[in-house]
């Protein structure tokens, strides 16, 4: 297995290097299940990207006009605009879930029910087991009889309360029950760390569309990081991203060759 590592200046640089390299170093696999089943795709065995300055604008790819191809991500897709009912940053940072959606990243991050034994321990004030906090309507909130936490605000609150050297604070998207879904979440978690006065993200995707998905996902995740860093009171730091399934679908190969000036 080849572990492909890229060191990038910013998000457009990461995207370009990853697209350029996969044309030469990706392996071709047939898709057995899920999106585009029966087709083929180029895929890295394992991918690691280290982005030093992910907040550098613009966050989306740089496509020179001479390439004659559209940008894989429109600015309005990230932030909202004509033709888009929901901005992608809302999909990541709000609990809104439309009929027919089995999940959204935002619902998983901002509206997590406390149930089962954890709820019992919470109600019993078992502070040796659970970190019980006040129902403030932001970090911990109630809808009807159900108690919820907002993971984003919980992480912010914890760094504020207990300091910056904390290895517990992971924004978790995946649930064990996701095995039952036909299309489980690609984003599994965003780990966090404050080092040298800056907030860093460590992002893992189980499967990841390189052409459209990576630039849209990371632009939104960078906005989330900037928000959290400002709320905590630290600088915006770098980003390390990983995937065992970063891939380029067949339809995008010709577009990738045009962008990279390859025949």
Protein backbone atom coordinates (compact mmCIF):
# COMPACT_ATOMS: atom_id res chain seq x y z
CA UNK A 1 0.00 0.00 0.00
CA UNK A 2 1.32 3.40 -1.00
CA UNK A 3 0.77 6.32 1.38
CA UNK A 4 0.73 9.46 -0.74
CA UNK A 5 1.59 12.64 1.17
CA UNK A 6 1.24 16.21 -0.04
CA UNK A 7 2.49 19.38 1.65
CA UNK A 8 0.48 22.35 0.45
CA UNK A 9 0.50 26.08 0.99
CA UNK A 10 -3.29 26.54 0.89
CA UNK A 11 -6.47 24.70 -0.10
CA UNK A 12 -6.29 25.41 -3.88
CA UNK A 13 -2.67 24.20 -3.82
CA UNK A 14 -3.68 20.99 -2.06
CA UNK A 15 -6.44 20.35 -4.60
CA UNK A 16 -4.20 20.98 -7.62
CA UNK A 17 -1.36 18.79 -6.35
CA UNK A 18 -3.77 15.97 -5.47
CA UNK A 19 -5.47 16.14 -8.90
CA UNK A 20 -2.12 16.32 -10.70
CA UNK A 21 -0.61 13.38 -8.82
CA UNK A 22 -3.60 11.03 -8.96
CA UNK A 23 -3.43 10.97 -12.77
CA UNK A 24 0.00 9.32 -12.47
CA UNK A 25 -0.13 7.59 -9.10
CA UNK A 26 -3.75 6.62 -8.58
CA UNK A 27 -4.85 3.03 -9.09
CA UNK A 28 -7.93 2.17 -11.12
CA UNK A 29 -10.68 0.33 -9.28
CA UNK A 30 -14.18 -0.75 -10.22
CA UNK A 31 -16.90 0.67 -8.01
CA UNK A 32 -18.86 -2.23 -6.49
CA UNK A 33 -21.41 -0.31 -4.40
CA UNK A 34 -22.68 3.18 -3.73
CA UNK A 35 -22.35 6.19 -6.01
CA UNK A 36 -21.41 5.30 -9.60
CA UNK A 37 -21.56 1.51 -8.99
CA UNK A 38 -20.23 -0.41 -11.98
CA UNK A 39 -17.98 2.41 -13.17
CA UNK A 40 -14.27 2.86 -12.47
CA UNK A 41 -12.31 5.50 -10.63
CA UNK A 42 -8.72 6.44 -9.91
CA UNK A 43 -7.99 6.20 -6.21
CA UNK A 44 -5.08 6.71 -3.84
CA UNK A 45 -4.31 3.77 -1.56
CA UNK A 46 -4.08 6.24 1.32
CA UNK A 47 -3.83 10.01 1.19
CA UNK A 48 -2.46 12.55 3.66
CA UNK A 49 -2.46 16.28 3.00
CA UNK A 50 -0.87 18.90 5.25
CA UNK A 51 -2.11 22.43 4.53
CA UNK A 52 -0.08 25.15 6.20
CA UNK A 53 -2.32 28.18 5.53
CA UNK A 54 -5.83 26.86 4.79
CA UNK A 55 -7.42 30.24 5.46
CA UNK A 56 -5.73 31.92 2.50
CA UNK A 57 -8.33 33.28 0.10
CA UNK A 58 -9.75 32.12 -2.20
CA UNK A 59 -10.61 28.77 -0.65
CA UNK A 60 -11.85 27.17 -3.86
CA UNK A 61 -9.67 25.89 -6.76
CA UNK A 62 -7.88 28.18 -9.18
CA UNK A 63 -8.93 27.44 -12.77
CA UNK A 64 -7.12 29.59 -15.37
CA UNK A 65 -9.46 30.82 -18.15
CA UNK A 66 -7.19 29.22 -20.75
CA UNK A 67 -8.21 25.76 -19.46
CA UNK A 68 -11.72 26.32 -20.76
CA UNK A 69 -13.38 24.36 -17.94
CA UNK A 70 -15.69 25.45 -15.10
CA UNK A 71 -14.56 25.64 -11.52
CA UNK A 72 -15.53 22.40 -9.77
CA UNK A 73 -17.00 24.47 -6.91
CA UNK A 74 -18.93 27.71 -7.20
CA UNK A 75 -18.52 30.35 -4.52
CA UNK A 76 -22.31 30.53 -4.14
CA UNK A 77 -22.43 26.79 -3.46
CA UNK A 78 -20.29 27.35 -0.34
CA UNK A 79 -21.85 30.57 0.94
CA UNK A 80 -25.28 30.58 -0.69
CA UNK A 81 -26.63 32.44 -3.66
CA UNK A 82 -28.96 32.23 -6.68
CA UNK A 83 -29.89 28.66 -7.49
CA UNK A 84 -28.92 27.25 -4.11
CA UNK A 85 -31.58 26.60 -1.47
CA UNK A 86 -28.96 25.93 1.20
CA UNK A 87 -25.35 27.06 1.52
CA UNK A 88 -22.88 24.25 2.10
CA UNK A 89 -21.62 25.87 5.29
CA UNK A 90 -25.21 25.57 6.57
CA UNK A 91 -25.17 21.86 5.70
CA UNK A 92 -22.05 21.59 7.89
CA UNK A 93 -22.88 23.95 10.75
CA UNK A 94 -26.66 23.88 11.27
CA UNK A 95 -29.09 21.11 12.33
CA UNK A 96 -31.33 21.56 9.29
CA UNK A 97 -32.21 18.24 7.63
CA UNK A 98 -34.64 18.04 4.73
CA UNK A 99 -37.12 15.20 4.05
CA UNK A 100 -35.33 12.36 2.30
CA UNK A 101 -31.96 13.13 3.90
CA UNK A 102 -30.83 10.33 6.20
CA UNK A 103 -28.36 12.70 7.87
CA UNK A 104 -26.50 15.96 7.45
CA UNK A 105 -23.06 16.72 8.84
CA UNK A 106 -24.55 19.74 10.59
CA UNK A 107 -27.22 17.71 12.36
CA UNK A 108 -24.58 15.25 13.55
CA UNK A 109 -22.39 18.08 14.83
CA UNK A 110 -24.95 20.43 16.38
CA UNK A 111 -27.91 18.31 17.53
CA UNK A 112 -26.71 15.19 19.33
CA UNK A 113 -29.27 13.51 21.64
CA UNK A 114 -28.11 12.23 25.01
CA UNK A 115 -29.76 8.85 25.47
CA UNK A 116 -29.51 5.51 27.23
CA UNK A 117 -27.08 5.05 30.09
CA UNK A 118 -25.44 8.41 29.44
CA UNK A 119 -28.79 10.13 30.00
CA UNK A 120 -29.33 8.11 33.18
CA UNK A 121 -25.91 9.06 34.49
CA UNK A 122 -26.58 12.69 33.52
CA UNK A 123 -29.88 12.73 35.41
CA UNK A 124 -28.31 10.98 38.39
CA UNK A 125 -25.53 13.60 38.43
CA UNK A 126 -22.86 10.91 38.18
CA UNK A 127 -20.05 13.41 37.77
CA UNK A 128 -17.38 10.72 38.11
CA UNK A 129 -18.65 9.40 34.76
CA UNK A 130 -20.21 12.31 32.83
CA UNK A 131 -19.22 15.93 32.45
CA UNK A 132 -22.61 17.35 33.31
CA UNK A 133 -23.15 20.97 32.30
CA UNK A 134 -25.91 23.52 32.63
CA UNK A 135 -28.70 23.54 30.07
CA UNK A 136 -27.80 26.91 28.60
CA UNK A 137 -29.69 26.60 25.31
CA UNK A 138 -26.44 26.71 23.31
CA UNK A 139 -24.02 24.00 24.46
CA UNK A 140 -26.72 21.87 26.09
CA UNK A 141 -30.36 22.31 25.13
CA UNK A 142 -33.70 20.56 25.37
CA UNK A 143 -36.42 20.00 22.80
CA UNK A 144 -39.49 18.59 24.47
CA UNK A 145 -38.30 15.73 26.66
CA UNK A 146 -35.07 15.15 24.70
CA UNK A 147 -31.73 16.56 25.83
CA UNK A 148 -29.17 17.52 23.15
CA UNK A 149 -25.60 18.80 22.96
CA UNK A 150 -24.03 20.92 20.24
CA UNK A 151 -20.60 19.39 19.64
CA UNK A 152 -19.17 22.56 18.10
CA UNK A 153 -20.18 24.70 21.05
CA UNK A 154 -19.19 21.95 23.53
CA UNK A 155 -15.65 21.90 22.16
CA UNK A 156 -15.42 25.69 22.27
CA UNK A 157 -16.75 25.74 25.84
CA UNK A 158 -14.35 23.01 26.96
CA UNK A 159 -11.27 24.77 25.62
CA UNK A 160 -12.42 27.95 27.35
CA UNK A 161 -13.02 26.18 30.67
CA UNK A 162 -10.10 23.80 30.88
CA UNK A 163 -7.31 25.20 28.72
CA UNK A 164 -5.68 24.35 25.45
CA UNK A 165 -3.89 21.05 26.04
CA UNK A 166 -6.76 18.62 25.64
CA UNK A 167 -6.74 15.45 23.54
CA UNK A 168 -10.42 14.55 24.07
CA UNK A 169 -12.11 17.07 21.80
CA UNK A 170 -13.15 15.34 18.57
CA UNK A 171 -16.10 16.47 16.45
CA UNK A 172 -17.68 13.11 15.63
CA UNK A 173 -19.90 12.50 12.62
CA UNK A 174 -19.91 8.71 12.40
CA UNK A 175 -22.29 6.47 14.37
CA UNK A 176 -21.88 2.69 14.64
CA UNK A 177 -25.45 2.35 13.34
CA UNK A 178 -24.34 4.00 10.06
CA UNK A 179 -23.54 0.49 8.83
CA UNK A 180 -27.27 0.17 8.16
CA UNK A 181 -27.29 3.11 5.71
CA UNK A 182 -26.95 2.54 1.98
CA UNK A 183 -24.75 5.65 1.78
CA UNK A 184 -23.15 6.32 5.18
CA UNK A 185 -21.37 9.64 5.87
CA UNK A 186 -18.05 10.11 4.09
CA UNK A 187 -16.77 12.53 6.73
CA UNK A 188 -16.15 10.49 9.88
CA UNK A 189 -14.59 12.97 12.28
CA UNK A 190 -12.76 16.24 12.73
CA UNK A 191 -10.19 16.03 15.51
CA UNK A 192 -8.93 19.27 17.09
CA UNK A 193 -5.80 20.53 18.77
CA UNK A 194 -4.58 23.90 19.98
CA UNK A 195 -0.83 24.27 19.61
CA UNK A 196 1.36 27.36 19.60
CA UNK A 197 -1.72 29.50 20.12
CA UNK A 198 -3.59 28.22 17.05
CA UNK A 199 -6.45 25.79 16.40
CA UNK A 200 -5.60 22.87 14.11
CA UNK A 201 -8.02 20.43 12.48
CA UNK A 202 -7.34 16.77 11.67
CA UNK A 203 -9.97 15.63 9.19
CA UNK A 204 -10.75 12.06 8.09
CA UNK A 205 -12.96 10.97 5.19
CA UNK A 206 -13.63 7.26 4.56
CA UNK A 207 -14.35 8.01 0.87
CA UNK A 208 -13.76 11.32 -0.86
CA UNK A 209 -14.51 12.74 -4.29
CA UNK A 210 -11.39 14.69 -5.26
CA UNK A 211 -12.76 16.80 -8.11
CA UNK A 212 -15.85 18.36 -6.46
CA UNK A 213 -16.04 17.01 -2.93
CA UNK A 214 -12.64 17.85 -1.47
CA UNK A 215 -12.66 21.56 -2.35
CA UNK A 216 -16.26 22.09 -1.21
CA UNK A 217 -15.81 20.11 2.00
CA UNK A 218 -12.56 21.79 3.02
CA UNK A 219 -13.78 25.31 2.22
CA UNK A 220 -16.72 24.77 4.57
CA UNK A 221 -14.59 23.04 7.21
CA UNK A 222 -12.15 25.95 7.09
CA UNK A 223 -15.03 28.35 7.79
CA UNK A 224 -15.96 26.17 10.77
CA UNK A 225 -12.38 26.26 12.04
CA UNK A 226 -12.17 30.03 11.75
CA UNK A 227 -15.43 30.39 13.69
CA UNK A 228 -14.26 28.09 16.47
CA UNK A 229 -10.82 29.69 16.71
CA UNK A 230 -12.38 33.15 17.07
CA UNK A 231 -14.81 31.92 19.74
CA UNK A 232 -12.05 30.20 21.70
CA UNK A 233 -9.76 33.21 21.37
CA UNK A 234 -6.86 31.62 19.46
CA UNK A 235 -5.40 31.96 16.00
CA UNK A 236 -6.54 29.96 12.98
CA UNK A 237 -4.06 27.13 12.41
CA UNK A 238 -3.27 24.53 9.81
CA UNK A 239 -5.15 21.46 8.65
CA UNK A 240 -4.17 17.83 8.17
CA UNK A 241 -6.55 15.75 6.05
CA UNK A 242 -6.59 12.01 5.45
CA UNK A 243 -8.57 9.46 3.46
CA UNK A 244 -8.29 5.82 2.50
CA UNK A 245 -10.56 6.54 -0.46
CA UNK A 246 -9.66 9.83 -2.14
CA UNK A 247 -10.66 9.29 -5.76
CA UNK A 248 -11.33 10.79 -9.15
CA UNK A 249 -14.40 9.54 -11.00
CA UNK A 250 -14.10 8.65 -14.67
CA UNK A 251 -16.17 11.62 -15.85
CA UNK A 252 -13.69 14.02 -14.22
CA UNK A 253 -10.49 12.51 -15.64
CA UNK A 254 -10.57 14.50 -18.87
CA UNK A 255 -11.30 17.68 -16.91
CA UNK A 256 -8.37 16.92 -14.62
CA UNK A 257 -6.06 16.42 -17.60
CA UNK A 258 -7.14 19.76 -19.03
CA UNK A 259 -6.49 21.54 -15.72
CA UNK A 260 -3.07 19.91 -15.34
CA UNK A 261 -2.13 20.38 -19.02
CA UNK A 262 -1.71 16.63 -19.49
CA UNK A 263 -2.67 14.70 -22.60
